């Protein structure tokens, strides 16, 4: 019998805050269709993600991957191979 590998849950989002040590706040958008009006709405959720070395900056598009619990609220880690730099213009 063939064993199937389980891939961890992953999302693509934008870094909205990177002021904490080894942590970044990532906003993930998803589109939901309204049943009555057939209109698509944007629903957002923020996740705390582990960022070793504080490499992510505000405005970067990153992929976060589910991992073991790192702290009370951190359950994701930023995948360094799938990061698109697009820092905010200040």
PDB file of N, CA and C in Angstrom:
ATOM      1  N   UNK A   1       0.833  -1.176   0.000  1.00  0.00           N
ATOM      2  CA  UNK A   1       0.000   0.000   0.000  1.00  0.00           C
ATOM      3  C   UNK A   1       0.882   1.244   0.000  1.00  0.00           C
ATOM      4  N   UNK A   2       0.489   2.217  -0.756  1.00  0.00           N
ATOM      5  CA  UNK A   2       1.278   3.431  -0.914  1.00  0.00           C
ATOM      6  C   UNK A   2       0.921   4.458   0.160  1.00  0.00           C
ATOM      7  N   UNK A   3       1.951   5.008   0.797  1.00  0.00           N
ATOM      8  CA  UNK A   3       1.715   6.032   1.812  1.00  0.00           C
ATOM      9  C   UNK A   3       1.682   7.393   1.154  1.00  0.00           C
ATOM     10  N   UNK A   4       0.727   8.206   1.567  1.00  0.00           N
ATOM     11  CA  UNK A   4       0.624   9.554   1.027  1.00  0.00           C
ATOM     12  C   UNK A   4       1.239  10.535   2.010  1.00  0.00           C
ATOM     13  N   UNK A   5       2.015  11.453   1.482  1.00  0.00           N
ATOM     14  CA  UNK A   5       2.595  12.472   2.341  1.00  0.00           C
ATOM     15  C   UNK A   5       1.584  13.594   2.538  1.00  0.00           C
ATOM     16  N   UNK A   6       1.505  14.068   3.753  1.00  0.00           N
ATOM     17  CA  UNK A   6       0.573  15.137   4.087  1.00  0.00           C
ATOM     18  C   UNK A   6       1.324  16.460   4.021  1.00  0.00           C
ATOM     19  N   UNK A   7       0.852  17.342   3.164  1.00  0.00           N
ATOM     20  CA  UNK A   7       1.462  18.660   3.055  1.00  0.00           C
ATOM     21  C   UNK A   7       0.871  19.579   4.111  1.00  0.00           C
ATOM     22  N   UNK A   8       1.699  20.411   4.744  1.00  0.00           N
ATOM     23  CA  UNK A   8       1.153  21.334   5.742  1.00  0.00           C
ATOM     24  C   UNK A   8       0.308  22.424   5.080  1.00  0.00           C
ATOM     25  N   UNK A   9      -0.610  22.956   5.853  1.00  0.00           N
ATOM     26  CA  UNK A   9      -1.483  24.026   5.371  1.00  0.00           C
ATOM     27  C   UNK A   9      -0.642  25.264   5.076  1.00  0.00           C
ATOM     28  N   UNK A  10      -0.925  25.945   3.972  1.00  0.00           N
ATOM     29  CA  UNK A  10      -0.158  27.139   3.629  1.00  0.00           C
ATOM     30  C   UNK A  10      -1.081  28.199   3.041  1.00  0.00           C
ATOM     31  N   UNK A  11      -0.704  29.464   3.247  1.00  0.00           N
ATOM     32  CA  UNK A  11      -1.450  30.604   2.741  1.00  0.00           C
ATOM     33  C   UNK A  11      -0.477  31.619   2.161  1.00  0.00           C
ATOM     34  N   UNK A  12      -0.979  32.453   1.250  1.00  0.00           N
ATOM     35  CA  UNK A  12      -0.200  33.569   0.709  1.00  0.00           C
ATOM     36  C   UNK A  12      -0.831  34.842   1.226  1.00  0.00           C
ATOM     37  N   UNK A  13       0.003  35.725   1.804  1.00  0.00           N
ATOM     38  CA  UNK A  13      -0.520  36.963   2.366  1.00  0.00           C
ATOM     39  C   UNK A  13       0.504  38.075   2.317  1.00  0.00           C
ATOM     40  N   UNK A  14       0.120  39.212   2.886  1.00  0.00           N
ATOM     41  CA  UNK A  14       0.959  40.409   2.888  1.00  0.00           C
ATOM     42  C   UNK A  14       1.333  40.740   4.328  1.00  0.00           C
ATOM     43  N   UNK A  15       2.599  41.071   4.548  1.00  0.00           N
ATOM     44  CA  UNK A  15       3.064  41.452   5.884  1.00  0.00           C
ATOM     45  C   UNK A  15       2.530  42.845   6.201  1.00  0.00           C
ATOM     46  N   UNK A  16       1.801  42.966   7.315  1.00  0.00           N
ATOM     47  CA  UNK A  16       1.243  44.257   7.709  1.00  0.00           C
ATOM     48  C   UNK A  16       1.945  44.835   8.927  1.00  0.00           C
ATOM     49  N   UNK A  17       2.701  44.003   9.657  1.00  0.00           N
ATOM     50  CA  UNK A  17       3.430  44.487  10.825  1.00  0.00           C
ATOM     51  C   UNK A  17       4.639  43.592  11.039  1.00  0.00           C
ATOM     52  N   UNK A  18       5.792  44.208  11.273  1.00  0.00           N
ATOM     53  CA  UNK A  18       7.012  43.439  11.495  1.00  0.00           C
ATOM     54  C   UNK A  18       7.842  44.074  12.598  1.00  0.00           C
ATOM     55  N   UNK A  19       7.188  44.540  13.662  1.00  0.00           N
ATOM     56  CA  UNK A  19       7.879  45.267  14.724  1.00  0.00           C
ATOM     57  C   UNK A  19       8.320  44.371  15.876  1.00  0.00           C
ATOM     58  N   UNK A  20       7.842  43.138  15.925  1.00  0.00           N
ATOM     59  CA  UNK A  20       8.171  42.239  17.028  1.00  0.00           C
ATOM     60  C   UNK A  20       9.391  41.398  16.684  1.00  0.00           C
ATOM     61  N   UNK A  21      10.041  40.885  17.719  1.00  0.00           N
ATOM     62  CA  UNK A  21      11.229  40.072  17.507  1.00  0.00           C
ATOM     63  C   UNK A  21      10.830  38.698  16.969  1.00  0.00           C
ATOM     64  N   UNK A  22      11.394  38.312  15.834  1.00  0.00           N
ATOM     65  CA  UNK A  22      11.167  37.008  15.196  1.00  0.00           C
ATOM     66  C   UNK A  22       9.698  36.719  14.897  1.00  0.00           C
ATOM     67  N   UNK A  23       8.885  37.756  14.737  1.00  0.00           N
ATOM     68  CA  UNK A  23       7.457  37.579  14.465  1.00  0.00           C
ATOM     69  C   UNK A  23       6.996  38.620  13.459  1.00  0.00           C
ATOM     70  N   UNK A  24       6.115  38.220  12.569  1.00  0.00           N
ATOM     71  CA  UNK A  24       5.495  39.145  11.622  1.00  0.00           C
ATOM     72  C   UNK A  24       3.999  38.855  11.586  1.00  0.00           C
ATOM     73  N   UNK A  25       3.211  39.908  11.402  1.00  0.00           N
ATOM     74  CA  UNK A  25       1.772  39.753  11.250  1.00  0.00           C
ATOM     75  C   UNK A  25       1.465  39.730   9.764  1.00  0.00           C
ATOM     76  N   UNK A  26       0.806  38.659   9.319  1.00  0.00           N
ATOM     77  CA  UNK A  26       0.518  38.462   7.902  1.00  0.00           C
ATOM     78  C   UNK A  26      -0.996  38.474   7.704  1.00  0.00           C
ATOM     79  N   UNK A  27      -1.467  39.307   6.760  1.00  0.00           N
ATOM     80  CA  UNK A  27      -2.893  39.393   6.450  1.00  0.00           C
ATOM     81  C   UNK A  27      -3.172  38.538   5.223  1.00  0.00           C
ATOM     82  N   UNK A  28      -4.113  37.599   5.373  1.00  0.00           N
ATOM     83  CA  UNK A  28      -4.475  36.682   4.292  1.00  0.00           C
ATOM     84  C   UNK A  28      -5.899  37.001   3.853  1.00  0.00           C
ATOM     85  N   UNK A  29      -6.081  37.247   2.554  1.00  0.00           N
ATOM     86  CA  UNK A  29      -7.402  37.546   2.000  1.00  0.00           C
ATOM     87  C   UNK A  29      -7.984  36.298   1.345  1.00  0.00           C
ATOM     88  N   UNK A  30      -9.303  36.168   1.425  1.00  0.00           N
ATOM     89  CA  UNK A  30     -10.004  35.110   0.704  1.00  0.00           C
ATOM     90  C   UNK A  30     -11.288  35.701   0.152  1.00  0.00           C
ATOM     91  N   UNK A  31     -11.774  35.128  -0.928  1.00  0.00           N
ATOM     92  CA  UNK A  31     -12.961  35.640  -1.600  1.00  0.00           C
ATOM     93  C   UNK A  31     -14.133  34.695  -1.360  1.00  0.00           C
ATOM     94  N   UNK A  32     -15.256  35.269  -0.900  1.00  0.00           N
ATOM     95  CA  UNK A  32     -16.456  34.501  -0.583  1.00  0.00           C
ATOM     96  C   UNK A  32     -17.598  35.031  -1.434  1.00  0.00           C
ATOM     97  N   UNK A  33     -18.353  34.127  -2.039  1.00  0.00           N
ATOM     98  CA  UNK A  33     -19.470  34.537  -2.891  1.00  0.00           C
ATOM     99  C   UNK A  33     -20.749  34.608  -2.064  1.00  0.00           C
ATOM    100  N   UNK A  34     -21.455  35.743  -2.155  1.00  0.00           N
ATOM    101  CA  UNK A  34     -22.733  35.906  -1.489  1.00  0.00           C
ATOM    102  C   UNK A  34     -23.781  35.066  -2.221  1.00  0.00           C
ATOM    103  N   UNK A  35     -24.519  34.260  -1.471  1.00  0.00           N
ATOM    104  CA  UNK A  35     -25.463  33.329  -2.084  1.00  0.00           C
ATOM    105  C   UNK A  35     -26.634  34.043  -2.744  1.00  0.00           C
ATOM    106  N   UNK A  36     -27.111  35.114  -2.136  1.00  0.00           N
ATOM    107  CA  UNK A  36     -28.295  35.793  -2.663  1.00  0.00           C
ATOM    108  C   UNK A  36     -27.963  36.711  -3.833  1.00  0.00           C
ATOM    109  N   UNK A  37     -26.928  37.533  -3.668  1.00  0.00           N
ATOM    110  CA  UNK A  37     -26.620  38.556  -4.673  1.00  0.00           C
ATOM    111  C   UNK A  37     -25.528  38.149  -5.656  1.00  0.00           C
ATOM    112  N   UNK A  38     -24.924  36.992  -5.450  1.00  0.00           N
ATOM    113  CA  UNK A  38     -23.879  36.475  -6.350  1.00  0.00           C
ATOM    114  C   UNK A  38     -22.690  37.425  -6.478  1.00  0.00           C
ATOM    115  N   UNK A  39     -22.413  38.168  -5.419  1.00  0.00           N
ATOM    116  CA  UNK A  39     -21.303  39.111  -5.425  1.00  0.00           C
ATOM    117  C   UNK A  39     -20.176  38.541  -4.567  1.00  0.00           C
ATOM    118  N   UNK A  40     -18.939  38.725  -5.034  1.00  0.00           N
ATOM    119  CA  UNK A  40     -17.794  38.239  -4.289  1.00  0.00           C
ATOM    120  C   UNK A  40     -17.352  39.290  -3.286  1.00  0.00           C
ATOM    121  N   UNK A  41     -17.129  38.862  -2.053  1.00  0.00           N
ATOM    122  CA  UNK A  41     -16.684  39.739  -0.979  1.00  0.00           C
ATOM    123  C   UNK A  41     -15.306  39.297  -0.519  1.00  0.00           C
ATOM    124  N   UNK A  42     -14.509  40.260  -0.055  1.00  0.00           N
ATOM    125  CA  UNK A  42     -13.179  39.959   0.446  1.00  0.00           C
ATOM    126  C   UNK A  42     -13.259  39.798   1.958  1.00  0.00           C
ATOM    127  N   UNK A  43     -12.805  38.667   2.448  1.00  0.00           N
ATOM    128  CA  UNK A  43     -12.723  38.412   3.882  1.00  0.00           C
ATOM    129  C   UNK A  43     -11.247  38.264   4.232  1.00  0.00           C
ATOM    130  N   UNK A  44     -10.826  38.904   5.317  1.00  0.00           N
ATOM    131  CA  UNK A  44      -9.417  38.903   5.700  1.00  0.00           C
ATOM    132  C   UNK A  44      -9.239  38.299   7.082  1.00  0.00           C
ATOM    133  N   UNK A  45      -8.052  37.758   7.313  1.00  0.00           N
ATOM    134  CA  UNK A  45      -7.688  37.249   8.621  1.00  0.00           C
ATOM    135  C   UNK A  45      -6.203  37.487   8.817  1.00  0.00           C
ATOM    136  N   UNK A  46      -5.821  37.830  10.042  1.00  0.00           N
ATOM    137  CA  UNK A  46      -4.414  38.070  10.349  1.00  0.00           C
ATOM    138  C   UNK A  46      -3.851  36.888  11.127  1.00  0.00           C
ATOM    139  N   UNK A  47      -2.652  36.482  10.742  1.00  0.00           N
ATOM    140  CA  UNK A  47      -1.951  35.397  11.411  1.00  0.00           C
ATOM    141  C   UNK A  47      -0.606  35.913  11.899  1.00  0.00           C
ATOM    142  N   UNK A  48      -0.177  35.451  13.079  1.00  0.00           N
ATOM    143  CA  UNK A  48       1.178  35.715  13.538  1.00  0.00           C
ATOM    144  C   UNK A  48       2.059  34.598  13.001  1.00  0.00           C
ATOM    145  N   UNK A  49       3.157  34.969  12.367  1.00  0.00           N
ATOM    146  CA  UNK A  49       4.041  33.984  11.747  1.00  0.00           C
ATOM    147  C   UNK A  49       5.461  34.163  12.258  1.00  0.00           C
ATOM    148  N   UNK A  50       6.148  33.050  12.450  1.00  0.00           N
ATOM    149  CA  UNK A  50       7.536  33.067  12.908  1.00  0.00           C
ATOM    150  C   UNK A  50       8.429  33.539  11.763  1.00  0.00           C
ATOM    151  N   UNK A  51       9.277  34.517  12.059  1.00  0.00           N
ATOM    152  CA  UNK A  51      10.167  35.105  11.057  1.00  0.00           C
ATOM    153  C   UNK A  51      11.577  35.156  11.628  1.00  0.00           C
ATOM    154  N   UNK A  52      12.321  34.047  11.576  1.00  0.00           N
ATOM    155  CA  UNK A  52      13.664  34.053  12.158  1.00  0.00           C
ATOM    156  C   UNK A  52      14.577  35.026  11.420  1.00  0.00           C
ATOM    157  N   UNK A  53      15.221  35.889  12.179  1.00  0.00           N
ATOM    158  CA  UNK A  53      16.125  36.870  11.590  1.00  0.00           C
ATOM    159  C   UNK A  53      15.447  38.155  11.178  1.00  0.00           C
ATOM    160  N   UNK A  54      14.147  38.271  11.375  1.00  0.00           N
ATOM    161  CA  UNK A  54      13.393  39.478  11.019  1.00  0.00           C
ATOM    162  C   UNK A  54      13.660  39.916   9.582  1.00  0.00           C
ATOM    163  N   UNK A  55      13.526  38.994   8.640  1.00  0.00           N
ATOM    164  CA  UNK A  55      13.815  39.303   7.240  1.00  0.00           C
ATOM    165  C   UNK A  55      12.639  39.945   6.515  1.00  0.00           C
ATOM    166  N   UNK A  56      11.420  39.700   6.967  1.00  0.00           N
ATOM    167  CA  UNK A  56      10.238  40.246   6.284  1.00  0.00           C
ATOM    168  C   UNK A  56      10.041  41.712   6.635  1.00  0.00           C
ATOM    169  N   UNK A  57       9.608  42.482   5.645  1.00  0.00           N
ATOM    170  CA  UNK A  57       9.315  43.897   5.844  1.00  0.00           C
ATOM    171  C   UNK A  57       7.854  44.141   5.501  1.00  0.00           C
ATOM    172  N   UNK A  58       7.330  45.252   5.996  1.00  0.00           N
ATOM    173  CA  UNK A  58       5.933  45.600   5.737  1.00  0.00           C
ATOM    174  C   UNK A  58       5.729  45.753   4.234  1.00  0.00           C
ATOM    175  N   UNK A  59       4.701  45.100   3.711  1.00  0.00           N
ATOM    176  CA  UNK A  59       4.394  45.164   2.285  1.00  0.00           C
ATOM    177  C   UNK A  59       4.874  43.972   1.491  1.00  0.00           C
ATOM    178  N   UNK A  60       5.710  43.116   2.078  1.00  0.00           N
ATOM    179  CA  UNK A  60       6.196  41.930   1.376  1.00  0.00           C
ATOM    180  C   UNK A  60       5.075  40.906   1.224  1.00  0.00           C
ATOM    181  N   UNK A  61       5.046  40.233   0.091  1.00  0.00           N
ATOM    182  CA  UNK A  61       4.121  39.128  -0.122  1.00  0.00           C
ATOM    183  C   UNK A  61       4.850  37.845   0.246  1.00  0.00           C
ATOM    184  N   UNK A  62       4.306  37.109   1.220  1.00  0.00           N
ATOM    185  CA  UNK A  62       4.982  35.925   1.740  1.00  0.00           C
ATOM    186  C   UNK A  62       4.036  34.730   1.739  1.00  0.00           C
ATOM    187  N   UNK A  63       4.631  33.547   1.808  1.00  0.00           N
ATOM    188  CA  UNK A  63       3.873  32.314   1.990  1.00  0.00           C
ATOM    189  C   UNK A  63       4.120  31.832   3.408  1.00  0.00           C
ATOM    190  N   UNK A  64       3.040  31.565   4.142  1.00  0.00           N
ATOM    191  CA  UNK A  64       3.184  31.049   5.497  1.00  0.00           C
ATOM    192  C   UNK A  64       2.754  29.591   5.508  1.00  0.00           C
ATOM    193  N   UNK A  65       3.475  28.789   6.291  1.00  0.00           N
ATOM    194  CA  UNK A  65       3.256  27.350   6.342  1.00  0.00           C
ATOM    195  C   UNK A  65       2.963  26.952   7.782  1.00  0.00           C
ATOM    196  N   UNK A  66       1.986  26.078   7.979  1.00  0.00           N
ATOM    197  CA  UNK A  66       1.634  25.606   9.319  1.00  0.00           C
ATOM    198  C   UNK A  66       2.802  24.837   9.923  1.00  0.00           C
ATOM    199  N   UNK A  67       3.008  25.030  11.214  1.00  0.00           N
ATOM    200  CA  UNK A  67       4.097  24.375  11.922  1.00  0.00           C
ATOM    201  C   UNK A  67       3.634  24.041  13.334  1.00  0.00           C
ATOM    202  N   UNK A  68       4.514  23.506  14.127  1.00  0.00           N
ATOM    203  CA  UNK A  68       4.168  23.219  15.516  1.00  0.00           C
ATOM    204  C   UNK A  68       3.908  24.539  16.240  1.00  0.00           C
ATOM    205  N   UNK A  69       3.166  24.526  17.342  1.00  0.00           N
ATOM    206  CA  UNK A  69       2.939  25.772  18.078  1.00  0.00           C
ATOM    207  C   UNK A  69       4.254  26.343  18.602  1.00  0.00           C
ATOM    208  N   UNK A  70       4.533  27.592  18.248  1.00  0.00           N
ATOM    209  CA  UNK A  70       5.766  28.246  18.663  1.00  0.00           C
ATOM    210  C   UNK A  70       5.524  29.090  19.906  1.00  0.00           C
ATOM    211  N   UNK A  71       4.356  29.695  20.002  1.00  0.00           N
ATOM    212  CA  UNK A  71       3.957  30.448  21.192  1.00  0.00           C
ATOM    213  C   UNK A  71       2.443  30.350  21.313  1.00  0.00           C
ATOM    214  N   UNK A  72       1.866  31.186  22.165  1.00  0.00           N
ATOM    215  CA  UNK A  72       0.425  31.121  22.390  1.00  0.00           C
ATOM    216  C   UNK A  72      -0.374  31.356  21.109  1.00  0.00           C
ATOM    217  N   UNK A  73       0.069  32.281  20.258  1.00  0.00           N
ATOM    218  CA  UNK A  73      -0.673  32.632  19.053  1.00  0.00           C
ATOM    219  C   UNK A  73       0.033  32.273  17.749  1.00  0.00           C
ATOM    220  N   UNK A  74       1.306  31.926  17.808  1.00  0.00           N
ATOM    221  CA  UNK A  74       2.052  31.631  16.579  1.00  0.00           C
ATOM    222  C   UNK A  74       1.941  30.157  16.212  1.00  0.00           C
ATOM    223  N   UNK A  75       1.331  29.898  15.048  1.00  0.00           N
ATOM    224  CA  UNK A  75       1.185  28.535  14.547  1.00  0.00           C
ATOM    225  C   UNK A  75       1.699  28.404  13.114  1.00  0.00           C
ATOM    226  N   UNK A  76       2.271  29.476  12.577  1.00  0.00           N
ATOM    227  CA  UNK A  76       2.758  29.487  11.202  1.00  0.00           C
ATOM    228  C   UNK A  76       4.190  30.007  11.167  1.00  0.00           C
ATOM    229  N   UNK A  77       4.897  29.667  10.098  1.00  0.00           N
ATOM    230  CA  UNK A  77       6.252  30.165   9.863  1.00  0.00           C
ATOM    231  C   UNK A  77       6.328  30.669   8.430  1.00  0.00           C
ATOM    232  N   UNK A  78       7.116  31.716   8.227  1.00  0.00           N
ATOM    233  CA  UNK A  78       7.279  32.272   6.885  1.00  0.00           C
ATOM    234  C   UNK A  78       8.227  31.390   6.091  1.00  0.00           C
ATOM    235  N   UNK A  79       7.808  31.001   4.891  1.00  0.00           N
ATOM    236  CA  UNK A  79       8.629  30.185   3.999  1.00  0.00           C
ATOM    237  C   UNK A  79       9.609  31.112   3.278  1.00  0.00           C
ATOM    238  N   UNK A  80      10.921  31.012   3.580  1.00  0.00           N
ATOM    239  CA  UNK A  80      11.882  31.955   2.986  1.00  0.00           C
ATOM    240  C   UNK A  80      12.081  31.773   1.487  1.00  0.00           C
ATOM    241  N   UNK A  81      11.740  30.599   0.944  1.00  0.00           N
ATOM    242  CA  UNK A  81      11.948  30.368  -0.484  1.00  0.00           C
ATOM    243  C   UNK A  81      10.856  30.994  -1.334  1.00  0.00           C
ATOM    244  N   UNK A  82       9.716  31.342  -0.728  1.00  0.00           N
ATOM    245  CA  UNK A  82       8.586  31.884  -1.484  1.00  0.00           C
ATOM    246  C   UNK A  82       8.217  33.275  -0.992  1.00  0.00           C
ATOM    247  N   UNK A  83       9.203  34.160  -0.896  1.00  0.00           N
ATOM    248  CA  UNK A  83       8.969  35.523  -0.442  1.00  0.00           C
ATOM    249  C   UNK A  83       9.208  36.485  -1.594  1.00  0.00           C
ATOM    250  N   UNK A  84       8.245  37.382  -1.833  1.00  0.00           N
ATOM    251  CA  UNK A  84       8.375  38.405  -2.864  1.00  0.00           C
ATOM    252  C   UNK A  84       8.526  39.739  -2.163  1.00  0.00           C
ATOM    253  N   UNK A  85       9.642  40.407  -2.387  1.00  0.00           N
ATOM    254  CA  UNK A  85       9.882  41.689  -1.746  1.00  0.00           C
ATOM    255  C   UNK A  85       9.079  42.769  -2.441  1.00  0.00           C
ATOM    256  N   UNK A  86       8.402  43.559  -1.641  1.00  0.00           N
ATOM    257  CA  UNK A  86       7.615  44.667  -2.171  1.00  0.00           C
ATOM    258  C   UNK A  86       7.339  45.637  -1.054  1.00  0.00           C
ATOM    259  N   UNK A  87       8.400  46.090  -0.393  1.00  0.00           N
ATOM    260  CA  UNK A  87       8.267  46.919   0.796  1.00  0.00           C
ATOM    261  C   UNK A  87       7.456  48.173   0.575  1.00  0.00           C
ATOM    262  N   UNK A  88       6.928  48.699   1.662  1.00  0.00           N
ATOM    263  CA  UNK A  88       6.090  49.896   1.599  1.00  0.00           C
ATOM    264  C   UNK A  88       6.939  51.126   1.304  1.00  0.00           C
ATOM    265  N   UNK A  89       6.372  52.061   0.576  1.00  0.00           N
ATOM    266  CA  UNK A  89       7.053  53.318   0.292  1.00  0.00           C
ATOM    267  C   UNK A  89       6.707  54.318   1.383  1.00  0.00           C
ATOM    268  N   UNK A  90       7.708  54.669   2.169  1.00  0.00           N
ATOM    269  CA  UNK A  90       7.475  55.611   3.276  1.00  0.00           C
ATOM    270  C   UNK A  90       8.214  56.904   3.010  1.00  0.00           C
TER     271      UNK A  90
END
